[in-house]
Amino acid sequence: MEAKKKFTMLDEAFKCDVCGKAVEPLGYTARDHCPKCLCSKHVDNNPGDRDAHCGGILKPIAIENGKKSLYKIVYKCMKCGRIKRNIMARDDNMDLIIKIMSEVREIK
């Protein structure tokens, strides 16, 4: 039996279901969230696998300092409650990131 990959490179354009922005591919890694509102859609179990059938909106609830000084956006699915994390993109809305960082939230 072949093990599933933890990361499948899919850098696709999409229209944000939350704010309506037309989001272009990143070009250097897989884009998985809207750079304007930072929201995403719960379609993956592992990045790029498209195996999650939830389809709920992943809303940013916190920002964590990850490895190599890369910040991660912490999401919570508004449909199933699952917590997911992903590295910020270079073109993400820094005003919104700072706002989220300034709000104290408990991650459950």
PDB file of N, CA and C in Angstrom:
ATOM      1  N   MET A   1       0.841  -1.188   0.000  1.00  0.00           N
ATOM      2  CA  MET A   1       0.000   0.000   0.000  1.00  0.00           C
ATOM      3  C   MET A   1       0.882   1.247   0.000  1.00  0.00           C
ATOM      4  N   GLU A   2       0.611   2.156  -0.894  1.00  0.00           N
ATOM      5  CA  GLU A   2       1.390   3.384  -1.022  1.00  0.00           C
ATOM      6  C   GLU A   2       0.886   4.437  -0.037  1.00  0.00           C
ATOM      7  N   ALA A   3       1.807   5.056   0.710  1.00  0.00           N
ATOM      8  CA  ALA A   3       1.440   6.104   1.664  1.00  0.00           C
ATOM      9  C   ALA A   3       1.109   7.391   0.920  1.00  0.00           C
ATOM     10  N   LYS A   4       0.121   8.133   1.456  1.00  0.00           N
ATOM     11  CA  LYS A   4      -0.242   9.411   0.848  1.00  0.00           C
ATOM     12  C   LYS A   4       0.803  10.459   1.181  1.00  0.00           C
ATOM     13  N   LYS A   5       1.046  11.356   0.229  1.00  0.00           N
ATOM     14  CA  LYS A   5       1.965  12.461   0.449  1.00  0.00           C
ATOM     15  C   LYS A   5       1.360  13.438   1.453  1.00  0.00           C
ATOM     16  N   LYS A   6       2.236  14.086   2.228  1.00  0.00           N
ATOM     17  CA  LYS A   6       1.797  15.102   3.180  1.00  0.00           C
ATOM     18  C   LYS A   6       1.551  16.442   2.490  1.00  0.00           C
ATOM     19  N   PHE A   7       2.140  16.638   1.306  1.00  0.00           N
ATOM     20  CA  PHE A   7       1.991  17.906   0.584  1.00  0.00           C
ATOM     21  C   PHE A   7       1.938  17.628  -0.905  1.00  0.00           C
ATOM     22  N   THR A   8       0.879  18.088  -1.536  1.00  0.00           N
ATOM     23  CA  THR A   8       0.745  17.999  -2.985  1.00  0.00           C
ATOM     24  C   THR A   8       0.735  19.421  -3.515  1.00  0.00           C
ATOM     25  N   MET A   9       1.665  19.736  -4.384  1.00  0.00           N
ATOM     26  CA  MET A   9       1.792  21.100  -4.905  1.00  0.00           C
ATOM     27  C   MET A   9       0.643  21.429  -5.853  1.00  0.00           C
ATOM     28  N   LEU A  10      -0.275  22.282  -5.399  1.00  0.00           N
ATOM     29  CA  LEU A  10      -1.370  22.792  -6.218  1.00  0.00           C
ATOM     30  C   LEU A  10      -1.428  24.299  -6.010  1.00  0.00           C
ATOM     31  N   ASP A  11      -0.969  25.030  -6.969  1.00  0.00           N
ATOM     32  CA  ASP A  11      -0.952  26.494  -6.898  1.00  0.00           C
ATOM     33  C   ASP A  11      -1.964  27.008  -7.917  1.00  0.00           C
ATOM     34  N   GLU A  12      -3.216  27.045  -7.498  1.00  0.00           N
ATOM     35  CA  GLU A  12      -4.314  27.343  -8.415  1.00  0.00           C
ATOM     36  C   GLU A  12      -4.923  28.715  -8.143  1.00  0.00           C
ATOM     37  N   ALA A  13      -5.456  29.335  -9.185  1.00  0.00           N
ATOM     38  CA  ALA A  13      -6.250  30.544  -9.037  1.00  0.00           C
ATOM     39  C   ALA A  13      -7.639  30.137  -8.538  1.00  0.00           C
ATOM     40  N   PHE A  14      -8.289  31.031  -7.785  1.00  0.00           N
ATOM     41  CA  PHE A  14      -9.657  30.772  -7.326  1.00  0.00           C
ATOM     42  C   PHE A  14     -10.333  32.089  -6.964  1.00  0.00           C
ATOM     43  N   LYS A  15     -11.636  32.027  -6.809  1.00  0.00           N
ATOM     44  CA  LYS A  15     -12.401  33.185  -6.342  1.00  0.00           C
ATOM     45  C   LYS A  15     -12.749  32.926  -4.885  1.00  0.00           C
ATOM     46  N   CYS A  16     -12.428  33.889  -4.018  1.00  0.00           N
ATOM     47  CA  CYS A  16     -12.679  33.732  -2.587  1.00  0.00           C
ATOM     48  C   CYS A  16     -14.180  33.674  -2.323  1.00  0.00           C
ATOM     49  N   ASP A  17     -14.613  32.643  -1.604  1.00  0.00           N
ATOM     50  CA  ASP A  17     -16.026  32.482  -1.251  1.00  0.00           C
ATOM     51  C   ASP A  17     -16.484  33.479  -0.195  1.00  0.00           C
ATOM     52  N   VAL A  18     -15.542  34.132   0.485  1.00  0.00           N
ATOM     53  CA  VAL A  18     -15.895  35.069   1.557  1.00  0.00           C
ATOM     54  C   VAL A  18     -15.970  36.504   1.041  1.00  0.00           C
ATOM     55  N   CYS A  19     -14.892  36.988   0.418  1.00  0.00           N
ATOM     56  CA  CYS A  19     -14.854  38.398  -0.001  1.00  0.00           C
ATOM     57  C   CYS A  19     -15.006  38.598  -1.505  1.00  0.00           C
ATOM     58  N   GLY A  20     -14.962  37.509  -2.282  1.00  0.00           N
ATOM     59  CA  GLY A  20     -15.169  37.598  -3.721  1.00  0.00           C
ATOM     60  C   GLY A  20     -13.938  37.957  -4.541  1.00  0.00           C
ATOM     61  N   LYS A  21     -12.779  38.126  -3.889  1.00  0.00           N
ATOM     62  CA  LYS A  21     -11.556  38.489  -4.611  1.00  0.00           C
ATOM     63  C   LYS A  21     -11.139  37.380  -5.573  1.00  0.00           C
ATOM     64  N   ALA A  22     -10.718  37.773  -6.772  1.00  0.00           N
ATOM     65  CA  ALA A  22     -10.106  36.830  -7.714  1.00  0.00           C
ATOM     66  C   ALA A  22      -8.651  36.666  -7.280  1.00  0.00           C
ATOM     67  N   VAL A  23      -8.294  35.473  -6.836  1.00  0.00           N
ATOM     68  CA  VAL A  23      -6.978  35.204  -6.265  1.00  0.00           C
ATOM     69  C   VAL A  23      -6.118  34.465  -7.281  1.00  0.00           C
ATOM     70  N   GLU A  24      -4.945  35.018  -7.565  1.00  0.00           N
ATOM     71  CA  GLU A  24      -4.008  34.428  -8.524  1.00  0.00           C
ATOM     72  C   GLU A  24      -3.067  33.448  -7.811  1.00  0.00           C
ATOM     73  N   PRO A  25      -2.489  32.499  -8.552  1.00  0.00           N
ATOM     74  CA  PRO A  25      -1.491  31.601  -7.961  1.00  0.00           C
ATOM     75  C   PRO A  25      -0.304  32.396  -7.408  1.00  0.00           C
ATOM     76  N   LEU A  26       0.383  31.820  -6.416  1.00  0.00           N
ATOM     77  CA  LEU A  26       1.549  32.477  -5.809  1.00  0.00           C
ATOM     78  C   LEU A  26       2.782  32.424  -6.700  1.00  0.00           C
ATOM     79  N   GLY A  27       3.013  31.275  -7.297  1.00  0.00           N
ATOM     80  CA  GLY A  27       4.179  31.131  -8.161  1.00  0.00           C
ATOM     81  C   GLY A  27       5.401  30.564  -7.471  1.00  0.00           C
ATOM     82  N   TYR A  28       5.433  30.551  -6.132  1.00  0.00           N
ATOM     83  CA  TYR A  28       6.591  29.997  -5.428  1.00  0.00           C
ATOM     84  C   TYR A  28       6.216  28.865  -4.473  1.00  0.00           C
ATOM     85  N   THR A  29       4.951  28.734  -4.147  1.00  0.00           N
ATOM     86  CA  THR A  29       4.435  27.613  -3.364  1.00  0.00           C
ATOM     87  C   THR A  29       2.932  27.566  -3.584  1.00  0.00           C
ATOM     88  N   ALA A  30       2.257  26.627  -2.974  1.00  0.00           N
ATOM     89  CA  ALA A  30       0.825  26.477  -3.193  1.00  0.00           C
ATOM     90  C   ALA A  30       0.030  27.555  -2.458  1.00  0.00           C
ATOM     91  N   ARG A  31      -0.842  28.233  -3.180  1.00  0.00           N
ATOM     92  CA  ARG A  31      -1.744  29.222  -2.580  1.00  0.00           C
ATOM     93  C   ARG A  31      -2.924  28.469  -1.996  1.00  0.00           C
ATOM     94  N   ASP A  32      -3.259  28.737  -0.750  1.00  0.00           N
ATOM     95  CA  ASP A  32      -4.409  28.043  -0.162  1.00  0.00           C
ATOM     96  C   ASP A  32      -5.392  28.971   0.514  1.00  0.00           C
ATOM     97  N   HIS A  33      -5.106  30.267   0.525  1.00  0.00           N
ATOM     98  CA  HIS A  33      -6.026  31.195   1.175  1.00  0.00           C
ATOM     99  C   HIS A  33      -6.025  32.537   0.454  1.00  0.00           C
ATOM    100  N   CYS A  34      -7.047  33.305   0.725  1.00  0.00           N
ATOM    101  CA  CYS A  34      -7.196  34.618   0.105  1.00  0.00           C
ATOM    102  C   CYS A  34      -6.251  35.618   0.786  1.00  0.00           C
ATOM    103  N   PRO A  35      -5.440  36.348   0.015  1.00  0.00           N
ATOM    104  CA  PRO A  35      -4.524  37.307   0.629  1.00  0.00           C
ATOM    105  C   PRO A  35      -5.230  38.544   1.191  1.00  0.00           C
ATOM    106  N   LYS A  36      -6.469  38.786   0.759  1.00  0.00           N
ATOM    107  CA  LYS A  36      -7.213  39.962   1.230  1.00  0.00           C
ATOM    108  C   LYS A  36      -7.873  39.712   2.593  1.00  0.00           C
ATOM    109  N   CYS A  37      -8.685  38.639   2.687  1.00  0.00           N
ATOM    110  CA  CYS A  37      -9.418  38.370   3.938  1.00  0.00           C
ATOM    111  C   CYS A  37      -8.806  37.223   4.735  1.00  0.00           C
ATOM    112  N   LEU A  38      -7.814  36.543   4.171  1.00  0.00           N
ATOM    113  CA  LEU A  38      -7.076  35.422   4.769  1.00  0.00           C
ATOM    114  C   LEU A  38      -7.904  34.156   4.949  1.00  0.00           C
ATOM    115  N   CYS A  39      -9.129  34.132   4.444  1.00  0.00           N
ATOM    116  CA  CYS A  39      -9.971  32.947   4.586  1.00  0.00           C
ATOM    117  C   CYS A  39      -9.607  31.895   3.546  1.00  0.00           C
ATOM    118  N   SER A  40     -10.027  30.681   3.830  1.00  0.00           N
ATOM    119  CA  SER A  40      -9.764  29.555   2.945  1.00  0.00           C
ATOM    120  C   SER A  40     -11.002  28.672   2.931  1.00  0.00           C
ATOM    121  N   LYS A  41     -10.920  27.580   2.213  1.00  0.00           N
ATOM    122  CA  LYS A  41     -12.017  26.626   2.148  1.00  0.00           C
ATOM    123  C   LYS A  41     -11.490  25.260   2.571  1.00  0.00           C
ATOM    124  N   HIS A  42     -12.244  24.565   3.400  1.00  0.00           N
ATOM    125  CA  HIS A  42     -11.824  23.267   3.926  1.00  0.00           C
ATOM    126  C   HIS A  42     -12.024  22.188   2.863  1.00  0.00           C
ATOM    127  N   VAL A  43     -10.997  22.036   1.998  1.00  0.00           N
ATOM    128  CA  VAL A  43     -11.043  21.043   0.923  1.00  0.00           C
ATOM    129  C   VAL A  43      -9.929  20.007   1.031  1.00  0.00           C
ATOM    130  N   ASP A  44      -8.945  20.249   1.898  1.00  0.00           N
ATOM    131  CA  ASP A  44      -7.792  19.343   2.023  1.00  0.00           C
ATOM    132  C   ASP A  44      -7.712  18.733   3.420  1.00  0.00           C
ATOM    133  N   ASN A  45      -7.281  17.463   3.472  1.00  0.00           N
ATOM    134  CA  ASN A  45      -6.854  16.866   4.732  1.00  0.00           C
ATOM    135  C   ASN A  45      -5.374  17.162   4.919  1.00  0.00           C
ATOM    136  N   ASN A  46      -4.586  16.849   3.902  1.00  0.00           N
ATOM    137  CA  ASN A  46      -3.188  17.258   3.815  1.00  0.00           C
ATOM    138  C   ASN A  46      -3.106  18.254   2.670  1.00  0.00           C
ATOM    139  N   PRO A  47      -2.212  19.236   2.737  1.00  0.00           N
ATOM    140  CA  PRO A  47      -2.170  20.281   1.720  1.00  0.00           C
ATOM    141  C   PRO A  47      -2.173  19.759   0.284  1.00  0.00           C
ATOM    142  N   GLY A  48      -3.180  20.200  -0.480  1.00  0.00           N
ATOM    143  CA  GLY A  48      -3.273  19.863  -1.892  1.00  0.00           C
ATOM    144  C   GLY A  48      -3.931  18.552  -2.232  1.00  0.00           C
ATOM    145  N   ASP A  49      -4.346  17.751  -1.246  1.00  0.00           N
ATOM    146  CA  ASP A  49      -4.889  16.428  -1.572  1.00  0.00           C
ATOM    147  C   ASP A  49      -6.362  16.449  -2.004  1.00  0.00           C
ATOM    148  N   ARG A  50      -7.081  17.508  -1.704  1.00  0.00           N
ATOM    149  CA  ARG A  50      -8.503  17.670  -2.032  1.00  0.00           C
ATOM    150  C   ARG A  50      -9.348  16.500  -1.533  1.00  0.00           C
ATOM    151  N   ASP A  51      -8.940  15.897  -0.407  1.00  0.00           N
ATOM    152  CA  ASP A  51      -9.642  14.748   0.168  1.00  0.00           C
ATOM    153  C   ASP A  51     -10.666  15.111   1.242  1.00  0.00           C
ATOM    154  N   ALA A  52     -10.708  16.364   1.692  1.00  0.00           N
ATOM    155  CA  ALA A  52     -11.699  16.761   2.691  1.00  0.00           C
ATOM    156  C   ALA A  52     -12.999  17.099   1.973  1.00  0.00           C
ATOM    157  N   HIS A  53     -14.073  16.567   2.440  1.00  0.00           N
ATOM    158  CA  HIS A  53     -15.357  16.789   1.783  1.00  0.00           C
ATOM    159  C   HIS A  53     -16.242  17.740   2.583  1.00  0.00           C
ATOM    160  N   CYS A  54     -15.663  18.427   3.553  1.00  0.00           N
ATOM    161  CA  CYS A  54     -16.391  19.360   4.404  1.00  0.00           C
ATOM    162  C   CYS A  54     -16.870  20.570   3.604  1.00  0.00           C
ATOM    163  N   GLY A  55     -15.934  21.276   2.962  1.00  0.00           N
ATOM    164  CA  GLY A  55     -16.281  22.455   2.172  1.00  0.00           C
ATOM    165  C   GLY A  55     -16.587  23.694   2.979  1.00  0.00           C
ATOM    166  N   GLY A  56     -16.393  23.633   4.301  1.00  0.00           N
ATOM    167  CA  GLY A  56     -16.659  24.790   5.150  1.00  0.00           C
ATOM    168  C   GLY A  56     -15.630  25.899   4.959  1.00  0.00           C
ATOM    169  N   ILE A  57     -15.942  27.080   5.472  1.00  0.00           N
ATOM    170  CA  ILE A  57     -15.019  28.210   5.404  1.00  0.00           C
ATOM    171  C   ILE A  57     -14.043  28.132   6.564  1.00  0.00           C
ATOM    172  N   LEU A  58     -12.748  28.235   6.231  1.00  0.00           N
ATOM    173  CA  LEU A  58     -11.695  28.289   7.238  1.00  0.00           C
ATOM    174  C   LEU A  58     -11.410  29.761   7.529  1.00  0.00           C
ATOM    175  N   LYS A  59     -11.739  30.201   8.747  1.00  0.00           N
ATOM    176  CA  LYS A  59     -11.528  31.602   9.137  1.00  0.00           C
ATOM    177  C   LYS A  59     -10.262  31.693   9.978  1.00  0.00           C
ATOM    178  N   PRO A  60      -9.463  32.739   9.772  1.00  0.00           N
ATOM    179  CA  PRO A  60      -8.251  32.910  10.575  1.00  0.00           C
ATOM    180  C   PRO A  60      -8.617  33.276  12.012  1.00  0.00           C
ATOM    181  N   ILE A  61      -8.023  32.557  12.969  1.00  0.00           N
ATOM    182  CA  ILE A  61      -8.318  32.834  14.382  1.00  0.00           C
ATOM    183  C   ILE A  61      -7.080  33.234  15.168  1.00  0.00           C
ATOM    184  N   ALA A  62      -5.896  32.981  14.614  1.00  0.00           N
ATOM    185  CA  ALA A  62      -4.656  33.320  15.322  1.00  0.00           C
ATOM    186  C   ALA A  62      -3.492  33.287  14.336  1.00  0.00           C
ATOM    187  N   ILE A  63      -2.373  33.858  14.762  1.00  0.00           N
ATOM    188  CA  ILE A  63      -1.124  33.814  14.010  1.00  0.00           C
ATOM    189  C   ILE A  63      -0.070  33.238  14.947  1.00  0.00           C
ATOM    190  N   GLU A  64       0.666  32.233  14.474  1.00  0.00           N
ATOM    191  CA  GLU A  64       1.727  31.606  15.270  1.00  0.00           C
ATOM    192  C   GLU A  64       3.077  31.829  14.611  1.00  0.00           C
ATOM    193  N   ASN A  65       4.112  31.930  15.420  1.00  0.00           N
ATOM    194  CA  ASN A  65       5.469  32.015  14.905  1.00  0.00           C
ATOM    195  C   ASN A  65       5.937  30.590  14.649  1.00  0.00           C
ATOM    196  N   GLY A  66       6.199  30.290  13.385  1.00  0.00           N
ATOM    197  CA  GLY A  66       6.615  28.950  13.010  1.00  0.00           C
ATOM    198  C   GLY A  66       8.117  28.823  12.884  1.00  0.00           C
ATOM    199  N   LYS A  67       8.560  27.747  12.286  1.00  0.00           N
ATOM    200  CA  LYS A  67       9.983  27.494  12.075  1.00  0.00           C
ATOM    201  C   LYS A  67      10.581  28.522  11.123  1.00  0.00           C
ATOM    202  N   LYS A  68      11.855  28.790  11.291  1.00  0.00           N
ATOM    203  CA  LYS A  68      12.605  29.699  10.415  1.00  0.00           C
ATOM    204  C   LYS A  68      11.974  31.086  10.338  1.00  0.00           C
ATOM    205  N   SER A  69      11.374  31.540  11.427  1.00  0.00           N
ATOM    206  CA  SER A  69      10.734  32.859  11.518  1.00  0.00           C
ATOM    207  C   SER A  69       9.578  33.043  10.553  1.00  0.00           C
ATOM    208  N   LEU A  70       9.013  31.962  10.058  1.00  0.00           N
ATOM    209  CA  LEU A  70       7.838  32.044   9.194  1.00  0.00           C
ATOM    210  C   LEU A  70       6.585  31.995  10.063  1.00  0.00           C
ATOM    211  N   TYR A  71       5.704  32.946   9.850  1.00  0.00           N
ATOM    212  CA  TYR A  71       4.458  32.952  10.607  1.00  0.00           C
ATOM    213  C   TYR A  71       3.442  32.033   9.958  1.00  0.00           C
ATOM    214  N   LYS A  72       2.598  31.432  10.801  1.00  0.00           N
ATOM    215  CA  LYS A  72       1.543  30.554  10.317  1.00  0.00           C
ATOM    216  C   LYS A  72       0.198  31.133  10.708  1.00  0.00           C
ATOM    217  N   ILE A  73      -0.742  31.049   9.772  1.00  0.00           N
ATOM    218  CA  ILE A  73      -2.115  31.435  10.057  1.00  0.00           C
ATOM    219  C   ILE A  73      -2.817  30.202  10.608  1.00  0.00           C
ATOM    220  N   VAL A  74      -3.499  30.374  11.727  1.00  0.00           N
ATOM    221  CA  VAL A  74      -4.281  29.292  12.332  1.00  0.00           C
ATOM    222  C   VAL A  74      -5.734  29.527  11.936  1.00  0.00           C
ATOM    223  N   TYR A  75      -6.341  28.502  11.353  1.00  0.00           N
ATOM    224  CA  TYR A  75      -7.716  28.584  10.887  1.00  0.00           C
ATOM    225  C   TYR A  75      -8.615  27.673  11.708  1.00  0.00           C
ATOM    226  N   LYS A  76      -9.882  28.050  11.782  1.00  0.00           N
ATOM    227  CA  LYS A  76     -10.900  27.161  12.340  1.00  0.00           C
ATOM    228  C   LYS A  76     -12.017  27.042  11.313  1.00  0.00           C
ATOM    229  N   CYS A  77     -12.395  25.812  11.009  1.00  0.00           N
ATOM    230  CA  CYS A  77     -13.473  25.585  10.062  1.00  0.00           C
ATOM    231  C   CYS A  77     -14.799  25.940  10.725  1.00  0.00           C
ATOM    232  N   MET A  78     -15.563  26.800  10.061  1.00  0.00           N
ATOM    233  CA  MET A  78     -16.842  27.255  10.596  1.00  0.00           C
ATOM    234  C   MET A  78     -17.929  26.183  10.472  1.00  0.00           C
ATOM    235  N   LYS A  79     -17.652  25.114   9.746  1.00  0.00           N
ATOM    236  CA  LYS A  79     -18.636  24.033   9.575  1.00  0.00           C
ATOM    237  C   LYS A  79     -18.368  22.863  10.524  1.00  0.00           C
ATOM    238  N   CYS A  80     -17.119  22.359  10.521  1.00  0.00           N
ATOM    239  CA  CYS A  80     -16.820  21.157  11.315  1.00  0.00           C
ATOM    240  C   CYS A  80     -15.957  21.435  12.545  1.00  0.00           C
ATOM    241  N   GLY A  81     -15.387  22.638  12.647  1.00  0.00           N
ATOM    242  CA  GLY A  81     -14.594  23.007  13.817  1.00  0.00           C
ATOM    243  C   GLY A  81     -13.131  22.607  13.772  1.00  0.00           C
ATOM    244  N   ARG A  82     -12.687  21.974  12.711  1.00  0.00           N
ATOM    245  CA  ARG A  82     -11.289  21.529  12.622  1.00  0.00           C
ATOM    246  C   ARG A  82     -10.338  22.724  12.607  1.00  0.00           C
ATOM    247  N   ILE A  83      -9.213  22.573  13.281  1.00  0.00           N
ATOM    248  CA  ILE A  83      -8.160  23.588  13.315  1.00  0.00           C
ATOM    249  C   ILE A  83      -7.098  23.192  12.293  1.00  0.00           C
ATOM    250  N   LYS A  84      -6.689  24.144  11.455  1.00  0.00           N
ATOM    251  CA  LYS A  84      -5.647  23.910  10.455  1.00  0.00           C
ATOM    252  C   LYS A  84      -4.673  25.071  10.501  1.00  0.00           C
ATOM    253  N   ARG A  85      -3.473  24.865   9.998  1.00  0.00           N
ATOM    254  CA  ARG A  85      -2.436  25.898   9.959  1.00  0.00           C
ATOM    255  C   ARG A  85      -1.797  25.944   8.580  1.00  0.00           C
ATOM    256  N   ASN A  86      -1.383  27.166   8.186  1.00  0.00           N
ATOM    257  CA  ASN A  86      -0.643  27.301   6.940  1.00  0.00           C
ATOM    258  C   ASN A  86       0.260  28.522   7.021  1.00  0.00           C
ATOM    259  N   ILE A  87       1.382  28.446   6.331  1.00  0.00           N
ATOM    260  CA  ILE A  87       2.350  29.542   6.305  1.00  0.00           C
ATOM    261  C   ILE A  87       1.762  30.734   5.570  1.00  0.00           C
ATOM    262  N   MET A  88       2.024  31.929   6.090  1.00  0.00           N
ATOM    263  CA  MET A  88       1.587  33.159   5.439  1.00  0.00           C
ATOM    264  C   MET A  88       2.239  33.296   4.077  1.00  0.00           C
ATOM    265  N   ALA A  89       1.558  33.983   3.187  1.00  0.00           N
ATOM    266  CA  ALA A  89       2.102  34.294   1.863  1.00  0.00           C
ATOM    267  C   ALA A  89       2.662  35.716   1.877  1.00  0.00           C
ATOM    268  N   ARG A  90       3.574  35.995   0.962  1.00  0.00           N
ATOM    269  CA  ARG A  90       4.224  37.315   0.891  1.00  0.00           C
ATOM    270  C   ARG A  90       3.245  38.454   0.674  1.00  0.00           C
ATOM    271  N   ASP A  91       2.148  38.165  -0.032  1.00  0.00           N
ATOM    272  CA  ASP A  91       1.196  39.231  -0.358  1.00  0.00           C
ATOM    273  C   ASP A  91      -0.027  39.274   0.555  1.00  0.00           C
ATOM    274  N   ASP A  92       0.045  38.594   1.701  1.00  0.00           N
ATOM    275  CA  ASP A  92      -1.080  38.605   2.631  1.00  0.00           C
ATOM    276  C   ASP A  92      -1.310  39.989   3.230  1.00  0.00           C
ATOM    277  N   ASN A  93      -2.539  40.256   3.583  1.00  0.00           N
ATOM    278  CA  ASN A  93      -2.980  41.517   4.169  1.00  0.00           C
ATOM    279  C   ASN A  93      -2.347  41.699   5.557  1.00  0.00           C
ATOM    280  N   MET A  94      -1.257  42.464   5.613  1.00  0.00           N
ATOM    281  CA  MET A  94      -0.521  42.637   6.875  1.00  0.00           C
ATOM    282  C   MET A  94      -1.334  43.379   7.934  1.00  0.00           C
ATOM    283  N   ASP A  95      -2.198  44.300   7.535  1.00  0.00           N
ATOM    284  CA  ASP A  95      -3.049  44.985   8.515  1.00  0.00           C
ATOM    285  C   ASP A  95      -3.953  43.988   9.233  1.00  0.00           C
ATOM    286  N   LEU A  96      -4.521  43.046   8.475  1.00  0.00           N
ATOM    287  CA  LEU A  96      -5.380  42.029   9.082  1.00  0.00           C
ATOM    288  C   LEU A  96      -4.568  41.057   9.927  1.00  0.00           C
ATOM    289  N   ILE A  97      -3.381  40.716   9.482  1.00  0.00           N
ATOM    290  CA  ILE A  97      -2.511  39.824  10.261  1.00  0.00           C
ATOM    291  C   ILE A  97      -2.163  40.464  11.605  1.00  0.00           C
ATOM    292  N   ILE A  98      -1.813  41.738  11.593  1.00  0.00           N
ATOM    293  CA  ILE A  98      -1.492  42.448  12.840  1.00  0.00           C
ATOM    294  C   ILE A  98      -2.715  42.517  13.743  1.00  0.00           C
ATOM    295  N   LYS A  99      -3.881  42.754  13.161  1.00  0.00           N
ATOM    296  CA  LYS A  99      -5.117  42.797  13.947  1.00  0.00           C
ATOM    297  C   LYS A  99      -5.357  41.446  14.631  1.00  0.00           C
ATOM    298  N   ILE A 100      -5.218  40.366  13.886  1.00  0.00           N
ATOM    299  CA  ILE A 100      -5.415  39.025  14.450  1.00  0.00           C
ATOM    300  C   ILE A 100      -4.388  38.754  15.543  1.00  0.00           C
ATOM    301  N   MET A 101      -3.132  39.156  15.311  1.00  0.00           N
ATOM    302  CA  MET A 101      -2.070  38.943  16.303  1.00  0.00           C
ATOM    303  C   MET A 101      -2.344  39.712  17.589  1.00  0.00           C
ATOM    304  N   SER A 102      -3.003  40.852  17.484  1.00  0.00           N
ATOM    305  CA  SER A 102      -3.256  41.683  18.661  1.00  0.00           C
ATOM    306  C   SER A 102      -4.438  41.198  19.495  1.00  0.00           C
ATOM    307  N   GLU A 103      -5.249  40.335  18.910  1.00  0.00           N
ATOM    308  CA  GLU A 103      -6.408  39.790  19.625  1.00  0.00           C
ATOM    309  C   GLU A 103      -5.996  38.513  20.346  1.00  0.00           C
ATOM    310  N   VAL A 104      -6.323  38.428  21.619  1.00  0.00           N
ATOM    311  CA  VAL A 104      -5.991  37.243  22.407  1.00  0.00           C
ATOM    312  C   VAL A 104      -7.108  36.219  22.193  1.00  0.00           C
ATOM    313  N   ARG A 105      -6.714  35.053  21.672  1.00  0.00           N
ATOM    314  CA  ARG A 105      -7.686  33.983  21.411  1.00  0.00           C
ATOM    315  C   ARG A 105      -7.122  32.669  21.900  1.00  0.00           C
ATOM    316  N   GLU A 106      -7.989  31.850  22.442  1.00  0.00           N
ATOM    317  CA  GLU A 106      -7.600  30.500  22.852  1.00  0.00           C
ATOM    318  C   GLU A 106      -7.908  29.553  21.713  1.00  0.00           C
ATOM    319  N   ILE A 107      -6.913  28.776  21.302  1.00  0.00           N
ATOM    320  CA  ILE A 107      -7.083  27.828  20.200  1.00  0.00           C
ATOM    321  C   ILE A 107      -7.539  26.499  20.783  1.00  0.00           C
ATOM    322  N   LYS A 108      -8.705  26.081  20.349  1.00  0.00           N
ATOM    323  CA  LYS A 108      -9.257  24.792  20.835  1.00  0.00           C
ATOM    324  C   LYS A 108      -9.354  23.820  19.698  1.00  0.00           C
TER     325      LYS A 108
END
